[in-house]
């Protein structure tokens, strides 16, 4: 998993907007 931090930030922002969840909660699922 070699993903730039910028892409992760954008990904979490999209997920937060869709699921309205904090990145920390999504990380626990992963």
Protein backbone atom coordinates (compact mmCIF):
# COMPACT_ATOMS: atom_id res chain seq x y z
CA UNK A 1 0.00 0.00 0.00
CA UNK A 2 2.16 2.88 -1.26
CA UNK A 3 -0.34 5.73 -1.53
CA UNK A 4 0.59 9.43 -1.26
CA UNK A 5 -0.78 11.18 1.82
CA UNK A 6 -2.46 13.77 -0.39
CA UNK A 7 -4.50 11.09 -2.15
CA UNK A 8 -5.46 9.59 1.21
CA UNK A 9 -6.59 13.00 2.47
CA UNK A 10 -8.76 13.50 -0.61
CA UNK A 11 -10.12 9.96 -0.25
CA UNK A 12 -11.02 10.46 3.41
CA UNK A 13 -12.67 13.79 2.57
CA UNK A 14 -14.87 12.09 -0.01
CA UNK A 15 -15.71 9.26 2.37
CA UNK A 16 -16.49 11.76 5.14
CA UNK A 17 -18.80 13.66 2.82
CA UNK A 18 -20.58 10.46 1.74
CA UNK A 19 -20.74 8.49 4.98
CA UNK A 20 -20.39 11.49 7.30
CA UNK A 21 -17.84 9.53 9.35
CA UNK A 22 -14.51 10.57 10.80
CA UNK A 23 -11.35 9.19 9.10
CA UNK A 24 -10.41 7.51 12.38
CA UNK A 25 -13.61 5.46 12.38
CA UNK A 26 -13.01 4.38 8.78
CA UNK A 27 -9.42 3.40 9.62
CA UNK A 28 -10.69 1.09 12.36
CA UNK A 29 -12.84 -0.71 9.77
CA UNK A 30 -9.82 -1.20 7.51
